[in-house]
């Protein structure tokens, strides 16, 4: 059985057993001023995923401005 993102049983972020990063790391990547290449080396995540996180296309439950309280210094 295939589970789609619209399905209420779909696992987001850290609740997905295949997740390689935590919610905190996703938020750190989202707010980082470092290049995608640097972040890729630091967190061992693909440059594509880093780019998607920075643009708010991946890990939306964390990076959506309405849902987080992280304020960069």
PDB file of N, CA and C in Angstrom:
ATOM      1  N   UNK A   1       0.843  -1.179   0.000  1.00  0.00           N
ATOM      2  CA  UNK A   1       0.000   0.000   0.000  1.00  0.00           C
ATOM      3  C   UNK A   1       0.885   1.238   0.000  1.00  0.00           C
ATOM      4  N   UNK A   2       0.617   2.161  -0.896  1.00  0.00           N
ATOM      5  CA  UNK A   2       1.375   3.396  -0.985  1.00  0.00           C
ATOM      6  C   UNK A   2       0.700   4.468  -0.132  1.00  0.00           C
ATOM      7  N   UNK A   3       1.490   5.159   0.659  1.00  0.00           N
ATOM      8  CA  UNK A   3       0.958   6.237   1.484  1.00  0.00           C
ATOM      9  C   UNK A   3       1.394   7.556   0.870  1.00  0.00           C
ATOM     10  N   UNK A   4       0.438   8.412   0.577  1.00  0.00           N
ATOM     11  CA  UNK A   4       0.719   9.708  -0.011  1.00  0.00           C
ATOM     12  C   UNK A   4       0.720  10.793   1.052  1.00  0.00           C
ATOM     13  N   UNK A   5       1.344  11.926   0.758  1.00  0.00           N
ATOM     14  CA  UNK A   5       1.466  13.007   1.734  1.00  0.00           C
ATOM     15  C   UNK A   5       0.112  13.511   2.233  1.00  0.00           C
ATOM     16  N   UNK A   6      -0.942  13.362   1.432  1.00  0.00           N
ATOM     17  CA  UNK A   6      -2.267  13.807   1.859  1.00  0.00           C
ATOM     18  C   UNK A   6      -2.871  12.847   2.891  1.00  0.00           C
ATOM     19  N   UNK A   7      -2.324  11.662   2.975  1.00  0.00           N
ATOM     20  CA  UNK A   7      -2.809  10.652   3.890  1.00  0.00           C
ATOM     21  C   UNK A   7      -2.470  11.060   5.324  1.00  0.00           C
ATOM     22  N   UNK A   8      -3.434  10.976   6.241  1.00  0.00           N
ATOM     23  CA  UNK A   8      -3.147  11.349   7.642  1.00  0.00           C
ATOM     24  C   UNK A   8      -2.099  10.455   8.307  1.00  0.00           C
ATOM     25  N   UNK A   9      -1.813   9.286   7.728  1.00  0.00           N
ATOM     26  CA  UNK A   9      -0.809   8.387   8.297  1.00  0.00           C
ATOM     27  C   UNK A   9       0.606   8.680   7.793  1.00  0.00           C
ATOM     28  N   UNK A  10       0.763   9.670   6.906  1.00  0.00           N
ATOM     29  CA  UNK A  10       2.085  10.002   6.364  1.00  0.00           C
ATOM     30  C   UNK A  10       2.964  10.537   7.484  1.00  0.00           C
ATOM     31  N   UNK A  11       4.194  10.075   7.556  1.00  0.00           N
ATOM     32  CA  UNK A  11       5.103  10.462   8.629  1.00  0.00           C
ATOM     33  C   UNK A  11       5.979  11.633   8.191  1.00  0.00           C
ATOM     34  N   UNK A  12       5.915  12.733   8.907  1.00  0.00           N
ATOM     35  CA  UNK A  12       6.682  13.928   8.595  1.00  0.00           C
ATOM     36  C   UNK A  12       7.925  14.024   9.475  1.00  0.00           C
ATOM     37  N   UNK A  13       8.965  14.611   8.910  1.00  0.00           N
ATOM     38  CA  UNK A  13      10.162  14.936   9.680  1.00  0.00           C
ATOM     39  C   UNK A  13      10.751  13.763  10.428  1.00  0.00           C
ATOM     40  N   UNK A  14      11.041  13.999  11.687  1.00  0.00           N
ATOM     41  CA  UNK A  14      11.722  12.999  12.506  1.00  0.00           C
ATOM     42  C   UNK A  14      10.877  11.759  12.751  1.00  0.00           C
ATOM     43  N   UNK A  15       9.566  11.845  12.593  1.00  0.00           N
ATOM     44  CA  UNK A  15       8.718  10.670  12.804  1.00  0.00           C
ATOM     45  C   UNK A  15       8.863   9.670  11.654  1.00  0.00           C
ATOM     46  N   UNK A  16       9.453  10.117  10.537  1.00  0.00           N
ATOM     47  CA  UNK A  16       9.731   9.217   9.421  1.00  0.00           C
ATOM     48  C   UNK A  16      11.021   8.460   9.734  1.00  0.00           C
ATOM     49  N   UNK A  17      10.987   7.144   9.719  1.00  0.00           N
ATOM     50  CA  UNK A  17      12.190   6.378  10.076  1.00  0.00           C
ATOM     51  C   UNK A  17      13.359   6.571   9.104  1.00  0.00           C
ATOM     52  N   UNK A  18      13.111   7.109   7.922  1.00  0.00           N
ATOM     53  CA  UNK A  18      14.182   7.354   6.951  1.00  0.00           C
ATOM     54  C   UNK A  18      14.802   8.742   7.078  1.00  0.00           C
ATOM     55  N   UNK A  19      14.343   9.551   8.009  1.00  0.00           N
ATOM     56  CA  UNK A  19      14.854  10.914   8.176  1.00  0.00           C
ATOM     57  C   UNK A  19      16.329  10.883   8.553  1.00  0.00           C
ATOM     58  N   UNK A  20      17.113  11.744   7.896  1.00  0.00           N
ATOM     59  CA  UNK A  20      18.549  11.804   8.176  1.00  0.00           C
ATOM     60  C   UNK A  20      18.908  12.978   9.079  1.00  0.00           C
ATOM     61  N   UNK A  21      17.968  13.897   9.269  1.00  0.00           N
ATOM     62  CA  UNK A  21      18.215  15.053  10.130  1.00  0.00           C
ATOM     63  C   UNK A  21      17.055  15.219  11.102  1.00  0.00           C
ATOM     64  N   UNK A  22      17.267  16.056  12.105  1.00  0.00           N
ATOM     65  CA  UNK A  22      16.231  16.340  13.096  1.00  0.00           C
ATOM     66  C   UNK A  22      15.516  17.639  12.728  1.00  0.00           C
ATOM     67  N   UNK A  23      14.422  17.911  13.412  1.00  0.00           N
ATOM     68  CA  UNK A  23      13.697  19.167  13.198  1.00  0.00           C
ATOM     69  C   UNK A  23      14.609  20.356  13.490  1.00  0.00           C
ATOM     70  N   UNK A  24      15.428  20.239  14.523  1.00  0.00           N
ATOM     71  CA  UNK A  24      16.328  21.331  14.910  1.00  0.00           C
ATOM     72  C   UNK A  24      17.363  21.602  13.810  1.00  0.00           C
ATOM     73  N   UNK A  25      17.896  20.556  13.211  1.00  0.00           N
ATOM     74  CA  UNK A  25      18.872  20.733  12.134  1.00  0.00           C
ATOM     75  C   UNK A  25      18.197  21.350  10.913  1.00  0.00           C
ATOM     76  N   UNK A  26      16.975  20.929  10.611  1.00  0.00           N
ATOM     77  CA  UNK A  26      16.246  21.509   9.477  1.00  0.00           C
ATOM     78  C   UNK A  26      16.036  23.002   9.692  1.00  0.00           C
ATOM     79  N   UNK A  27      15.704  23.391  10.903  1.00  0.00           N
ATOM     80  CA  UNK A  27      15.507  24.801  11.214  1.00  0.00           C
ATOM     81  C   UNK A  27      16.830  25.562  11.143  1.00  0.00           C
ATOM     82  N   UNK A  28      17.905  24.945  11.600  1.00  0.00           N
ATOM     83  CA  UNK A  28      19.235  25.545  11.509  1.00  0.00           C
ATOM     84  C   UNK A  28      19.625  25.764  10.043  1.00  0.00           C
ATOM     85  N   UNK A  29      19.365  24.769   9.204  1.00  0.00           N
ATOM     86  CA  UNK A  29      19.655  24.887   7.774  1.00  0.00           C
ATOM     87  C   UNK A  29      18.823  26.013   7.168  1.00  0.00           C
ATOM     88  N   UNK A  30      17.555  26.071   7.512  1.00  0.00           N
ATOM     89  CA  UNK A  30      16.640  27.082   6.974  1.00  0.00           C
ATOM     90  C   UNK A  30      17.137  28.500   7.252  1.00  0.00           C
ATOM     91  N   UNK A  31      17.672  28.729   8.447  1.00  0.00           N
ATOM     92  CA  UNK A  31      18.107  30.067   8.847  1.00  0.00           C
ATOM     93  C   UNK A  31      19.591  30.334   8.569  1.00  0.00           C
ATOM     94  N   UNK A  32      20.313  29.343   8.113  1.00  0.00           N
ATOM     95  CA  UNK A  32      21.751  29.487   7.919  1.00  0.00           C
ATOM     96  C   UNK A  32      22.090  30.403   6.743  1.00  0.00           C
ATOM     97  N   UNK A  33      23.197  31.116   6.893  1.00  0.00           N
ATOM     98  CA  UNK A  33      23.700  31.956   5.803  1.00  0.00           C
ATOM     99  C   UNK A  33      24.824  31.242   5.055  1.00  0.00           C
ATOM    100  N   UNK A  34      25.152  30.029   5.480  1.00  0.00           N
ATOM    101  CA  UNK A  34      26.199  29.251   4.807  1.00  0.00           C
ATOM    102  C   UNK A  34      25.675  28.741   3.469  1.00  0.00           C
ATOM    103  N   UNK A  35      26.595  28.412   2.572  1.00  0.00           N
ATOM    104  CA  UNK A  35      26.217  27.903   1.253  1.00  0.00           C
ATOM    105  C   UNK A  35      25.659  26.491   1.378  1.00  0.00           C
ATOM    106  N   UNK A  36      24.915  26.085   0.355  1.00  0.00           N
ATOM    107  CA  UNK A  36      24.370  24.722   0.322  1.00  0.00           C
ATOM    108  C   UNK A  36      25.495  23.699   0.366  1.00  0.00           C
ATOM    109  N   UNK A  37      26.587  23.993  -0.305  1.00  0.00           N
ATOM    110  CA  UNK A  37      27.723  23.065  -0.330  1.00  0.00           C
ATOM    111  C   UNK A  37      28.301  22.880   1.076  1.00  0.00           C
ATOM    112  N   UNK A  38      28.473  23.987   1.817  1.00  0.00           N
ATOM    113  CA  UNK A  38      28.994  23.880   3.198  1.00  0.00           C
ATOM    114  C   UNK A  38      28.043  23.085   4.079  1.00  0.00           C
ATOM    115  N   UNK A  39      26.752  23.384   3.972  1.00  0.00           N
ATOM    116  CA  UNK A  39      25.761  22.694   4.795  1.00  0.00           C
ATOM    117  C   UNK A  39      25.691  21.209   4.449  1.00  0.00           C
ATOM    118  N   UNK A  40      25.886  20.909   3.179  1.00  0.00           N
ATOM    119  CA  UNK A  40      25.902  19.512   2.726  1.00  0.00           C
ATOM    120  C   UNK A  40      27.028  18.750   3.425  1.00  0.00           C
ATOM    121  N   UNK A  41      28.189  19.357   3.501  1.00  0.00           N
ATOM    122  CA  UNK A  41      29.340  18.712   4.158  1.00  0.00           C
ATOM    123  C   UNK A  41      29.126  18.563   5.663  1.00  0.00           C
ATOM    124  N   UNK A  42      28.537  19.578   6.281  1.00  0.00           N
ATOM    125  CA  UNK A  42      28.335  19.565   7.725  1.00  0.00           C
ATOM    126  C   UNK A  42      27.310  18.517   8.148  1.00  0.00           C
ATOM    127  N   UNK A  43      26.184  18.473   7.447  1.00  0.00           N
ATOM    128  CA  UNK A  43      25.048  17.645   7.882  1.00  0.00           C
ATOM    129  C   UNK A  43      24.885  16.343   7.112  1.00  0.00           C
ATOM    130  N   UNK A  44      25.714  16.111   6.098  1.00  0.00           N
ATOM    131  CA  UNK A  44      25.671  14.868   5.318  1.00  0.00           C
ATOM    132  C   UNK A  44      24.290  14.628   4.704  1.00  0.00           C
ATOM    133  N   UNK A  45      23.743  15.698   4.133  1.00  0.00           N
ATOM    134  CA  UNK A  45      22.457  15.659   3.438  1.00  0.00           C
ATOM    135  C   UNK A  45      22.704  16.208   2.044  1.00  0.00           C
ATOM    136  N   UNK A  46      21.974  15.725   1.052  1.00  0.00           N
ATOM    137  CA  UNK A  46      22.197  16.155  -0.325  1.00  0.00           C
ATOM    138  C   UNK A  46      21.988  17.662  -0.496  1.00  0.00           C
ATOM    139  N   UNK A  47      22.699  18.222  -1.454  1.00  0.00           N
ATOM    140  CA  UNK A  47      22.581  19.643  -1.757  1.00  0.00           C
ATOM    141  C   UNK A  47      21.154  19.987  -2.187  1.00  0.00           C
ATOM    142  N   UNK A  48      20.508  19.050  -2.869  1.00  0.00           N
ATOM    143  CA  UNK A  48      19.126  19.254  -3.293  1.00  0.00           C
ATOM    144  C   UNK A  48      18.217  19.412  -2.082  1.00  0.00           C
ATOM    145  N   UNK A  49      18.388  18.550  -1.079  1.00  0.00           N
ATOM    146  CA  UNK A  49      17.558  18.636   0.122  1.00  0.00           C
ATOM    147  C   UNK A  49      17.855  19.920   0.889  1.00  0.00           C
ATOM    148  N   UNK A  50      19.116  20.303   0.979  1.00  0.00           N
ATOM    149  CA  UNK A  50      19.481  21.557   1.644  1.00  0.00           C
ATOM    150  C   UNK A  50      18.773  22.720   0.952  1.00  0.00           C
ATOM    151  N   UNK A  51      18.822  22.741  -0.364  1.00  0.00           N
ATOM    152  CA  UNK A  51      18.188  23.798  -1.136  1.00  0.00           C
ATOM    153  C   UNK A  51      16.679  23.826  -0.905  1.00  0.00           C
ATOM    154  N   UNK A  52      16.061  22.658  -0.880  1.00  0.00           N
ATOM    155  CA  UNK A  52      14.613  22.591  -0.640  1.00  0.00           C
ATOM    156  C   UNK A  52      14.252  23.081   0.754  1.00  0.00           C
ATOM    157  N   UNK A  53      15.064  22.755   1.738  1.00  0.00           N
ATOM    158  CA  UNK A  53      14.816  23.234   3.105  1.00  0.00           C
ATOM    159  C   UNK A  53      14.952  24.748   3.149  1.00  0.00           C
ATOM    160  N   UNK A  54      16.009  25.288   2.544  1.00  0.00           N
ATOM    161  CA  UNK A  54      16.242  26.740   2.563  1.00  0.00           C
ATOM    162  C   UNK A  54      15.137  27.507   1.841  1.00  0.00           C
ATOM    163  N   UNK A  55      14.532  26.901   0.815  1.00  0.00           N
ATOM    164  CA  UNK A  55      13.446  27.555   0.086  1.00  0.00           C
ATOM    165  C   UNK A  55      12.082  27.275   0.698  1.00  0.00           C
ATOM    166  N   UNK A  56      12.046  26.477   1.756  1.00  0.00           N
ATOM    167  CA  UNK A  56      10.791  26.172   2.426  1.00  0.00           C
ATOM    168  C   UNK A  56       9.946  25.137   1.711  1.00  0.00           C
ATOM    169  N   UNK A  57      10.559  24.323   0.850  1.00  0.00           N
ATOM    170  CA  UNK A  57       9.827  23.300   0.114  1.00  0.00           C
ATOM    171  C   UNK A  57       9.888  21.939   0.790  1.00  0.00           C
ATOM    172  N   UNK A  58      10.821  21.751   1.684  1.00  0.00           N
ATOM    173  CA  UNK A  58      10.940  20.498   2.437  1.00  0.00           C
ATOM    174  C   UNK A  58      10.967  20.849   3.923  1.00  0.00           C
ATOM    175  N   UNK A  59      10.525  19.930   4.743  1.00  0.00           N
ATOM    176  CA  UNK A  59      10.443  20.129   6.190  1.00  0.00           C
ATOM    177  C   UNK A  59       9.571  21.350   6.504  1.00  0.00           C
ATOM    178  N   UNK A  60       8.477  21.497   5.750  1.00  0.00           N
ATOM    179  CA  UNK A  60       7.573  22.649   5.898  1.00  0.00           C
ATOM    180  C   UNK A  60       6.974  22.745   7.290  1.00  0.00           C
ATOM    181  N   UNK A  61       6.751  21.613   7.922  1.00  0.00           N
ATOM    182  CA  UNK A  61       6.167  21.632   9.258  1.00  0.00           C
ATOM    183  C   UNK A  61       7.094  22.328  10.258  1.00  0.00           C
ATOM    184  N   UNK A  62       8.363  22.458   9.899  1.00  0.00           N
ATOM    185  CA  UNK A  62       9.342  23.122  10.764  1.00  0.00           C
ATOM    186  C   UNK A  62       9.648  24.526  10.261  1.00  0.00           C
ATOM    187  N   UNK A  63       9.793  24.667   8.951  1.00  0.00           N
ATOM    188  CA  UNK A  63      10.264  25.933   8.381  1.00  0.00           C
ATOM    189  C   UNK A  63       9.150  26.929   8.092  1.00  0.00           C
ATOM    190  N   UNK A  64       7.897  26.499   8.152  1.00  0.00           N
ATOM    191  CA  UNK A  64       6.787  27.409   7.903  1.00  0.00           C
ATOM    192  C   UNK A  64       6.800  28.510   8.960  1.00  0.00           C
ATOM    193  N   UNK A  65       6.850  29.754   8.533  1.00  0.00           N
ATOM    194  CA  UNK A  65       7.011  30.886   9.449  1.00  0.00           C
ATOM    195  C   UNK A  65       5.896  30.985  10.484  1.00  0.00           C
ATOM    196  N   UNK A  66       4.729  30.443  10.176  1.00  0.00           N
ATOM    197  CA  UNK A  66       3.617  30.503  11.115  1.00  0.00           C
ATOM    198  C   UNK A  66       3.807  29.555  12.293  1.00  0.00           C
ATOM    199  N   UNK A  67       4.644  28.512  12.116  1.00  0.00           N
ATOM    200  CA  UNK A  67       4.729  27.458  13.118  1.00  0.00           C
ATOM    201  C   UNK A  67       5.989  27.442  13.977  1.00  0.00           C
ATOM    202  N   UNK A  68       6.951  28.291  13.703  1.00  0.00           N
ATOM    203  CA  UNK A  68       8.161  28.207  14.523  1.00  0.00           C
ATOM    204  C   UNK A  68       8.438  29.529  15.243  1.00  0.00           C
ATOM    205  N   UNK A  69       9.180  29.401  16.325  1.00  0.00           N
ATOM    206  CA  UNK A  69       9.494  30.559  17.148  1.00  0.00           C
ATOM    207  C   UNK A  69      10.961  30.915  17.112  1.00  0.00           C
ATOM    208  N   UNK A  70      11.714  30.239  16.248  1.00  0.00           N
ATOM    209  CA  UNK A  70      13.159  30.479  16.152  1.00  0.00           C
ATOM    210  C   UNK A  70      13.406  31.866  15.615  1.00  0.00           C
ATOM    211  N   UNK A  71      14.235  32.622  16.301  1.00  0.00           N
ATOM    212  CA  UNK A  71      14.586  33.952  15.815  1.00  0.00           C
ATOM    213  C   UNK A  71      16.100  34.047  15.733  1.00  0.00           C
ATOM    214  N   UNK A  72      16.639  34.201  14.520  1.00  0.00           N
ATOM    215  CA  UNK A  72      18.091  34.292  14.402  1.00  0.00           C
ATOM    216  C   UNK A  72      18.626  35.534  15.092  1.00  0.00           C
ATOM    217  N   UNK A  73      19.826  35.415  15.639  1.00  0.00           N
ATOM    218  CA  UNK A  73      20.444  36.527  16.374  1.00  0.00           C
ATOM    219  C   UNK A  73      21.139  37.448  15.403  1.00  0.00           C
TER     220      UNK A  73
END
